[in-house]
PDB file of all heavy atoms in Angstrom:
ATOM      1  N   CYS A   1     -34.874 -14.982 -14.933  1.00  0.00           N
ATOM      2  CA  CYS A   1     -36.209 -14.430 -15.281  1.00  0.00           C
ATOM      3  C   CYS A   1     -36.441 -14.147 -16.791  1.00  0.00           C
ATOM      4  O   CYS A   1     -37.404 -13.388 -17.061  1.00  0.00           O
ATOM      5  CB  CYS A   1     -36.522 -13.183 -14.431  1.00  0.00           C
ATOM      6  SG  CYS A   1     -36.480 -13.567 -12.605  1.00  0.00           S
ATOM      7  N   ASP A   2     -35.676 -14.654 -17.595  1.00  0.00           N
ATOM      8  CA  ASP A   2     -35.972 -14.503 -19.056  1.00  0.00           C
ATOM      9  C   ASP A   2     -37.193 -15.144 -19.381  1.00  0.00           C
ATOM     10  O   ASP A   2     -37.943 -14.568 -20.367  1.00  0.00           O
ATOM     11  CB  ASP A   2     -34.806 -15.130 -19.931  1.00  0.00           C
ATOM     12  CG  ASP A   2     -33.411 -14.420 -19.751  1.00  0.00           C
ATOM     13  OD1 ASP A   2     -33.503 -13.320 -19.308  1.00  0.00           O
ATOM     14  OD2 ASP A   2     -32.428 -15.024 -20.018  1.00  0.00           O
ATOM     15  N   TRP A   3     -37.576 -16.323 -18.747  1.00  0.00           N
ATOM     16  CA  TRP A   3     -38.908 -16.895 -19.029  1.00  0.00           C
ATOM     17  C   TRP A   3     -40.087 -16.089 -18.672  1.00  0.00           C
ATOM     18  O   TRP A   3     -41.187 -16.109 -19.382  1.00  0.00           O
ATOM     19  CB  TRP A   3     -38.956 -18.164 -18.365  1.00  0.00           C
ATOM     20  CG  TRP A   3     -39.071 -18.090 -16.802  1.00  0.00           C
ATOM     21  CD1 TRP A   3     -37.962 -17.852 -15.993  1.00  0.00           C
ATOM     22  CD2 TRP A   3     -40.165 -18.242 -15.945  1.00  0.00           C
ATOM     23  NE1 TRP A   3     -38.328 -17.860 -14.644  1.00  0.00           N
ATOM     24  CE2 TRP A   3     -39.666 -18.062 -14.639  1.00  0.00           C
ATOM     25  CE3 TRP A   3     -41.530 -18.439 -16.173  1.00  0.00           C
ATOM     26  CZ2 TRP A   3     -40.560 -18.022 -13.601  1.00  0.00           C
ATOM     27  CZ3 TRP A   3     -42.451 -18.435 -15.057  1.00  0.00           C
ATOM     28  CH2 TRP A   3     -41.896 -18.248 -13.804  1.00  0.00           C
ATOM     29  N   VAL A   4     -39.961 -15.170 -17.616  1.00  0.00           N
ATOM     30  CA  VAL A   4     -40.951 -14.257 -17.359  1.00  0.00           C
ATOM     31  C   VAL A   4     -41.131 -13.214 -18.461  1.00  0.00           C
ATOM     32  O   VAL A   4     -42.320 -12.832 -18.747  1.00  0.00           O
ATOM     33  CB  VAL A   4     -40.681 -13.550 -15.986  1.00  0.00           C
ATOM     34  CG1 VAL A   4     -41.794 -12.644 -15.607  1.00  0.00           C
ATOM     35  CG2 VAL A   4     -40.460 -14.595 -14.918  1.00  0.00           C
ATOM     36  N   ASP A   5     -40.114 -12.720 -18.998  1.00  0.00           N
ATOM     37  CA  ASP A   5     -40.141 -11.782 -20.033  1.00  0.00           C
ATOM     38  C   ASP A   5     -40.753 -12.487 -21.292  1.00  0.00           C
ATOM     39  O   ASP A   5     -41.526 -11.763 -22.033  1.00  0.00           O
ATOM     40  CB  ASP A   5     -38.751 -11.257 -20.523  1.00  0.00           C
ATOM     41  CG  ASP A   5     -38.286 -10.156 -19.560  1.00  0.00           C
ATOM     42  OD1 ASP A   5     -39.109  -9.412 -18.998  1.00  0.00           O
ATOM     43  OD2 ASP A   5     -37.043 -10.240 -19.283  1.00  0.00           O
ATOM     44  N   ARG A   6     -40.581 -13.679 -21.470  1.00  0.00           N
ATOM     45  CA  ARG A   6     -41.109 -14.423 -22.618  1.00  0.00           C
ATOM     46  C   ARG A   6     -42.617 -14.933 -22.352  1.00  0.00           C
ATOM     47  O   ARG A   6     -43.161 -15.557 -23.174  1.00  0.00           O
ATOM     48  CB  ARG A   6     -40.278 -15.682 -23.020  1.00  0.00           C
ATOM     49  CG  ARG A   6     -38.941 -15.340 -23.494  1.00  0.00           C
ATOM     50  CD  ARG A   6     -38.253 -16.461 -24.134  1.00  0.00           C
ATOM     51  NE  ARG A   6     -38.041 -17.533 -23.152  1.00  0.00           N
ATOM     52  CZ  ARG A   6     -36.936 -17.795 -22.361  1.00  0.00           C
ATOM     53  NH1 ARG A   6     -35.941 -16.862 -22.585  1.00  0.00           N
ATOM     54  NH2 ARG A   6     -36.863 -18.799 -21.625  1.00  0.00           N
ATOM     55  N   ARG A   7     -43.145 -14.641 -21.108  1.00  0.00           N
ATOM     56  CA  ARG A   7     -44.419 -14.934 -20.769  1.00  0.00           C
ATOM     57  C   ARG A   7     -44.776 -16.497 -20.780  1.00  0.00           C
ATOM     58  O   ARG A   7     -45.833 -16.811 -21.270  1.00  0.00           O
ATOM     59  CB  ARG A   7     -45.481 -14.194 -21.513  1.00  0.00           C
ATOM     60  CG  ARG A   7     -45.300 -12.769 -21.556  1.00  0.00           C
ATOM     61  CD  ARG A   7     -46.065 -12.025 -22.626  1.00  0.00           C
ATOM     62  NE  ARG A   7     -45.826 -10.524 -22.493  1.00  0.00           N
ATOM     63  CZ  ARG A   7     -46.301  -9.675 -23.518  1.00  0.00           C
ATOM     64  NH1 ARG A   7     -47.165 -10.049 -24.472  1.00  0.00           N
ATOM     65  NH2 ARG A   7     -46.069  -8.455 -23.486  1.00  0.00           N
ATOM     66  N   GLU A   8     -43.803 -17.196 -20.217  1.00  0.00           N
ATOM     67  CA  GLU A   8     -43.925 -18.675 -20.222  1.00  0.00           C
ATOM     68  C   GLU A   8     -44.341 -19.197 -18.904  1.00  0.00           C
ATOM     69  O   GLU A   8     -44.655 -18.352 -18.063  1.00  0.00           O
ATOM     70  CB  GLU A   8     -42.551 -19.273 -20.642  1.00  0.00           C
ATOM     71  CG  GLU A   8     -42.092 -18.880 -21.942  1.00  0.00           C
ATOM     72  CD  GLU A   8     -40.739 -19.412 -22.332  1.00  0.00           C
ATOM     73  OE1 GLU A   8     -40.085 -19.945 -21.537  1.00  0.00           O
ATOM     74  OE2 GLU A   8     -40.413 -19.329 -23.700  1.00  0.00           O
ATOM     75  N   ILE A   9     -44.516 -20.475 -18.829  1.00  0.00           N
ATOM     76  CA  ILE A   9     -45.005 -21.127 -17.673  1.00  0.00           C
ATOM     77  C   ILE A   9     -44.023 -22.019 -16.908  1.00  0.00           C
ATOM     78  O   ILE A   9     -43.116 -22.596 -17.640  1.00  0.00           O
ATOM     79  CB  ILE A   9     -46.206 -21.996 -18.005  1.00  0.00           C
ATOM     80  CG1 ILE A   9     -47.336 -21.294 -18.855  1.00  0.00           C
ATOM     81  CG2 ILE A   9     -46.853 -22.718 -16.836  1.00  0.00           C
ATOM     82  CD1 ILE A   9     -48.036 -20.292 -18.123  1.00  0.00           C
ATOM     83  N   VAL A  10     -44.061 -22.120 -15.664  1.00  0.00           N
ATOM     84  CA  VAL A  10     -43.088 -23.018 -14.900  1.00  0.00           C
ATOM     85  C   VAL A  10     -44.068 -23.807 -14.018  1.00  0.00           C
ATOM     86  O   VAL A  10     -44.922 -23.180 -13.247  1.00  0.00           O
ATOM     87  CB  VAL A  10     -42.097 -22.390 -14.120  1.00  0.00           C
ATOM     88  CG1 VAL A  10     -41.408 -23.340 -13.115  1.00  0.00           C
ATOM     89  CG2 VAL A  10     -40.988 -21.711 -14.966  1.00  0.00           C
ATOM     90  N   ILE A  11     -43.985 -25.105 -14.009  1.00  0.00           N
ATOM     91  CA  ILE A  11     -44.698 -25.970 -13.120  1.00  0.00           C
ATOM     92  C   ILE A  11     -43.804 -26.931 -12.431  1.00  0.00           C
ATOM     93  O   ILE A  11     -42.925 -27.672 -12.930  1.00  0.00           O
ATOM     94  CB  ILE A  11     -45.798 -26.888 -13.941  1.00  0.00           C
ATOM     95  CG1 ILE A  11     -46.696 -25.995 -14.739  1.00  0.00           C
ATOM     96  CG2 ILE A  11     -46.489 -27.721 -13.020  1.00  0.00           C
ATOM     97  CD1 ILE A  11     -47.699 -26.747 -15.539  1.00  0.00           C
ATOM     98  N   ALA A  12     -43.909 -26.870 -10.988  1.00  0.00           N
ATOM     99  CA  ALA A  12     -43.078 -27.722 -10.242  1.00  0.00           C
ATOM    100  C   ALA A  12     -43.999 -28.858  -9.618  1.00  0.00           C
ATOM    101  O   ALA A  12     -45.038 -28.603  -8.937  1.00  0.00           O
ATOM    102  CB  ALA A  12     -42.496 -26.880  -8.943  1.00  0.00           C
ATOM    103  N   LEU A  13     -43.656 -30.113  -9.855  1.00  0.00           N
ATOM    104  CA  LEU A  13     -44.403 -31.127  -9.486  1.00  0.00           C
ATOM    105  C   LEU A  13     -43.584 -32.056  -8.513  1.00  0.00           C
ATOM    106  O   LEU A  13     -42.437 -32.360  -8.694  1.00  0.00           O
ATOM    107  CB  LEU A  13     -44.778 -32.112 -10.701  1.00  0.00           C
ATOM    108  CG  LEU A  13     -45.620 -31.364 -11.823  1.00  0.00           C
ATOM    109  CD1 LEU A  13     -45.843 -32.289 -13.012  1.00  0.00           C
ATOM    110  CD2 LEU A  13     -47.051 -30.920 -11.255  1.00  0.00           C
ATOM    111  N   GLY A  14     -44.234 -32.516  -7.465  1.00  0.00           N
ATOM    112  CA  GLY A  14     -43.570 -33.491  -6.495  1.00  0.00           C
ATOM    113  C   GLY A  14     -44.390 -33.547  -5.243  1.00  0.00           C
ATOM    114  O   GLY A  14     -45.399 -32.763  -5.051  1.00  0.00           O
ATOM    115  N   PRO A  15     -44.175 -34.525  -4.473  1.00  0.00           N
ATOM    116  CA  PRO A  15     -44.843 -34.778  -3.201  1.00  0.00           C
ATOM    117  C   PRO A  15     -44.659 -33.632  -2.189  1.00  0.00           C
ATOM    118  O   PRO A  15     -43.742 -32.873  -2.352  1.00  0.00           O
ATOM    119  CB  PRO A  15     -44.459 -36.146  -2.723  1.00  0.00           C
ATOM    120  CG  PRO A  15     -43.043 -36.311  -3.366  1.00  0.00           C
ATOM    121  CD  PRO A  15     -43.121 -35.678  -4.692  1.00  0.00           C
ATOM    122  N   SER A  16     -45.461 -33.730  -1.199  1.00  0.00           N
ATOM    123  CA  SER A  16     -45.351 -32.711  -0.198  1.00  0.00           C
ATOM    124  C   SER A  16     -44.076 -32.667   0.559  1.00  0.00           C
ATOM    125  O   SER A  16     -43.483 -33.729   0.841  1.00  0.00           O
ATOM    126  CB  SER A  16     -46.441 -32.813   0.876  1.00  0.00           C
ATOM    127  OG  SER A  16     -46.425 -31.923   1.811  1.00  0.00           O
ATOM    128  N   GLY A  17     -43.519 -31.576   0.824  1.00  0.00           N
ATOM    129  CA  GLY A  17     -42.235 -31.449   1.581  1.00  0.00           C
ATOM    130  C   GLY A  17     -41.064 -31.400   0.727  1.00  0.00           C
ATOM    131  O   GLY A  17     -39.912 -31.486   1.451  1.00  0.00           O
ATOM    132  N   THR A  18     -41.005 -31.482  -0.574  1.00  0.00           N
ATOM    133  CA  THR A  18     -39.896 -31.633  -1.395  1.00  0.00           C
ATOM    134  C   THR A  18     -39.343 -30.236  -1.730  1.00  0.00           C
ATOM    135  O   THR A  18     -38.420 -30.173  -2.573  1.00  0.00           O
ATOM    136  CB  THR A  18     -40.120 -32.373  -2.625  1.00  0.00           C
ATOM    137  OG1 THR A  18     -41.305 -31.912  -3.329  1.00  0.00           O
ATOM    138  CG2 THR A  18     -40.339 -33.862  -2.291  1.00  0.00           C
ATOM    139  N   GLY A  19     -39.865 -29.117  -1.312  1.00  0.00           N
ATOM    140  CA  GLY A  19     -39.246 -27.746  -1.527  1.00  0.00           C
ATOM    141  C   GLY A  19     -39.845 -27.039  -2.707  1.00  0.00           C
ATOM    142  O   GLY A  19     -39.241 -25.983  -3.089  1.00  0.00           O
ATOM    143  N   LYS A  20     -41.008 -27.454  -3.143  1.00  0.00           N
ATOM    144  CA  LYS A  20     -41.575 -26.741  -4.274  1.00  0.00           C
ATOM    145  C   LYS A  20     -41.960 -25.274  -3.919  1.00  0.00           C
ATOM    146  O   LYS A  20     -41.679 -24.376  -4.747  1.00  0.00           O
ATOM    147  CB  LYS A  20     -42.974 -27.514  -4.646  1.00  0.00           C
ATOM    148  CG  LYS A  20     -42.738 -28.877  -5.098  1.00  0.00           C
ATOM    149  CD  LYS A  20     -44.009 -29.512  -5.582  1.00  0.00           C
ATOM    150  CE  LYS A  20     -45.106 -29.497  -4.547  1.00  0.00           C
ATOM    151  NZ  LYS A  20     -44.730 -30.333  -3.309  1.00  0.00           N
ATOM    152  N   THR A  21     -42.492 -25.047  -2.699  1.00  0.00           N
ATOM    153  CA  THR A  21     -42.797 -23.675  -2.378  1.00  0.00           C
ATOM    154  C   THR A  21     -41.499 -22.859  -2.237  1.00  0.00           C
ATOM    155  O   THR A  21     -41.435 -21.598  -2.593  1.00  0.00           O
ATOM    156  CB  THR A  21     -43.611 -23.633  -0.987  1.00  0.00           C
ATOM    157  OG1 THR A  21     -44.844 -24.299  -1.244  1.00  0.00           O
ATOM    158  CG2 THR A  21     -43.875 -22.240  -0.582  1.00  0.00           C
ATOM    159  N   HIS A  22     -40.464 -23.467  -1.640  1.00  0.00           N
ATOM    160  CA  HIS A  22     -39.141 -22.700  -1.518  1.00  0.00           C
ATOM    161  C   HIS A  22     -38.714 -22.286  -2.847  1.00  0.00           C
ATOM    162  O   HIS A  22     -38.209 -21.097  -3.051  1.00  0.00           O
ATOM    163  CB  HIS A  22     -38.151 -23.607  -0.736  1.00  0.00           C
ATOM    164  CG  HIS A  22     -36.890 -22.830  -0.387  1.00  0.00           C
ATOM    165  ND1 HIS A  22     -36.216 -23.281   0.759  1.00  0.00           N
ATOM    166  CD2 HIS A  22     -36.276 -21.823  -0.966  1.00  0.00           C
ATOM    167  CE1 HIS A  22     -35.130 -22.461   0.753  1.00  0.00           C
ATOM    168  NE2 HIS A  22     -35.106 -21.636  -0.188  1.00  0.00           N
ATOM    169  N   VAL A  23     -38.693 -23.191  -3.800  1.00  0.00           N
ATOM    170  CA  VAL A  23     -38.222 -22.738  -5.144  1.00  0.00           C
ATOM    171  C   VAL A  23     -39.108 -21.609  -5.851  1.00  0.00           C
ATOM    172  O   VAL A  23     -38.594 -20.749  -6.395  1.00  0.00           O
ATOM    173  CB  VAL A  23     -38.172 -24.048  -5.992  1.00  0.00           C
ATOM    174  CG1 VAL A  23     -37.943 -23.609  -7.563  1.00  0.00           C
ATOM    175  CG2 VAL A  23     -37.095 -24.962  -5.691  1.00  0.00           C
ATOM    176  N   ALA A  24     -40.383 -21.838  -5.540  1.00  0.00           N
ATOM    177  CA  ALA A  24     -41.301 -20.837  -6.166  1.00  0.00           C
ATOM    178  C   ALA A  24     -41.043 -19.377  -5.455  1.00  0.00           C
ATOM    179  O   ALA A  24     -41.001 -18.333  -6.125  1.00  0.00           O
ATOM    180  CB  ALA A  24     -42.802 -21.288  -5.760  1.00  0.00           C
ATOM    181  N   LEU A  25     -40.900 -19.504  -4.200  1.00  0.00           N
ATOM    182  CA  LEU A  25     -40.466 -18.180  -3.446  1.00  0.00           C
ATOM    183  C   LEU A  25     -39.185 -17.702  -3.989  1.00  0.00           C
ATOM    184  O   LEU A  25     -39.013 -16.356  -4.158  1.00  0.00           O
ATOM    185  CB  LEU A  25     -40.431 -18.339  -1.926  1.00  0.00           C
ATOM    186  CG  LEU A  25     -41.764 -18.755  -1.209  1.00  0.00           C
ATOM    187  CD1 LEU A  25     -41.420 -19.125   0.173  1.00  0.00           C
ATOM    188  CD2 LEU A  25     -42.555 -17.492  -1.250  1.00  0.00           C
ATOM    189  N   GLY A  26     -38.180 -18.524  -4.183  1.00  0.00           N
ATOM    190  CA  GLY A  26     -36.978 -17.997  -4.657  1.00  0.00           C
ATOM    191  C   GLY A  26     -37.018 -17.468  -5.968  1.00  0.00           C
ATOM    192  O   GLY A  26     -36.389 -16.403  -6.279  1.00  0.00           O
ATOM    193  N   LEU A  27     -37.688 -18.052  -6.910  1.00  0.00           N
ATOM    194  CA  LEU A  27     -37.925 -17.398  -8.235  1.00  0.00           C
ATOM    195  C   LEU A  27     -38.777 -16.077  -8.120  1.00  0.00           C
ATOM    196  O   LEU A  27     -38.487 -15.248  -8.941  1.00  0.00           O
ATOM    197  CB  LEU A  27     -38.597 -18.477  -9.237  1.00  0.00           C
ATOM    198  CG  LEU A  27     -37.823 -19.700  -9.441  1.00  0.00           C
ATOM    199  CD1 LEU A  27     -38.603 -20.704 -10.399  1.00  0.00           C
ATOM    200  CD2 LEU A  27     -36.485 -19.373 -10.222  1.00  0.00           C
ATOM    201  N   GLY A  28     -39.767 -16.175  -7.395  1.00  0.00           N
ATOM    202  CA  GLY A  28     -40.490 -14.902  -7.144  1.00  0.00           C
ATOM    203  C   GLY A  28     -39.694 -13.677  -6.596  1.00  0.00           C
ATOM    204  O   GLY A  28     -39.828 -12.559  -7.096  1.00  0.00           O
ATOM    205  N   LEU A  29     -38.815 -14.048  -5.666  1.00  0.00           N
ATOM    206  CA  LEU A  29     -37.886 -12.987  -5.131  1.00  0.00           C
ATOM    207  C   LEU A  29     -36.937 -12.500  -6.216  1.00  0.00           C
ATOM    208  O   LEU A  29     -36.655 -11.346  -6.317  1.00  0.00           O
ATOM    209  CB  LEU A  29     -37.113 -13.691  -3.942  1.00  0.00           C
ATOM    210  CG  LEU A  29     -36.184 -12.771  -3.175  1.00  0.00           C
ATOM    211  CD1 LEU A  29     -36.881 -11.531  -2.611  1.00  0.00           C
ATOM    212  CD2 LEU A  29     -35.368 -13.506  -2.274  1.00  0.00           C
ATOM    213  N   ALA A  30     -36.444 -13.446  -6.984  1.00  0.00           N
ATOM    214  CA  ALA A  30     -35.542 -13.047  -8.136  1.00  0.00           C
ATOM    215  C   ALA A  30     -36.240 -12.141  -9.076  1.00  0.00           C
ATOM    216  O   ALA A  30     -35.543 -11.166  -9.624  1.00  0.00           O
ATOM    217  CB  ALA A  30     -35.016 -14.322  -8.770  1.00  0.00           C
TER     218      ALA A  30
END
């Protein structure tokens, strides 16, 4: 979460079903 402290952006790109939401949830939980 250093990137959050630096106020940066993360963008996950990929077709449906490749786990983008899971990764987003995992980073949000962290």
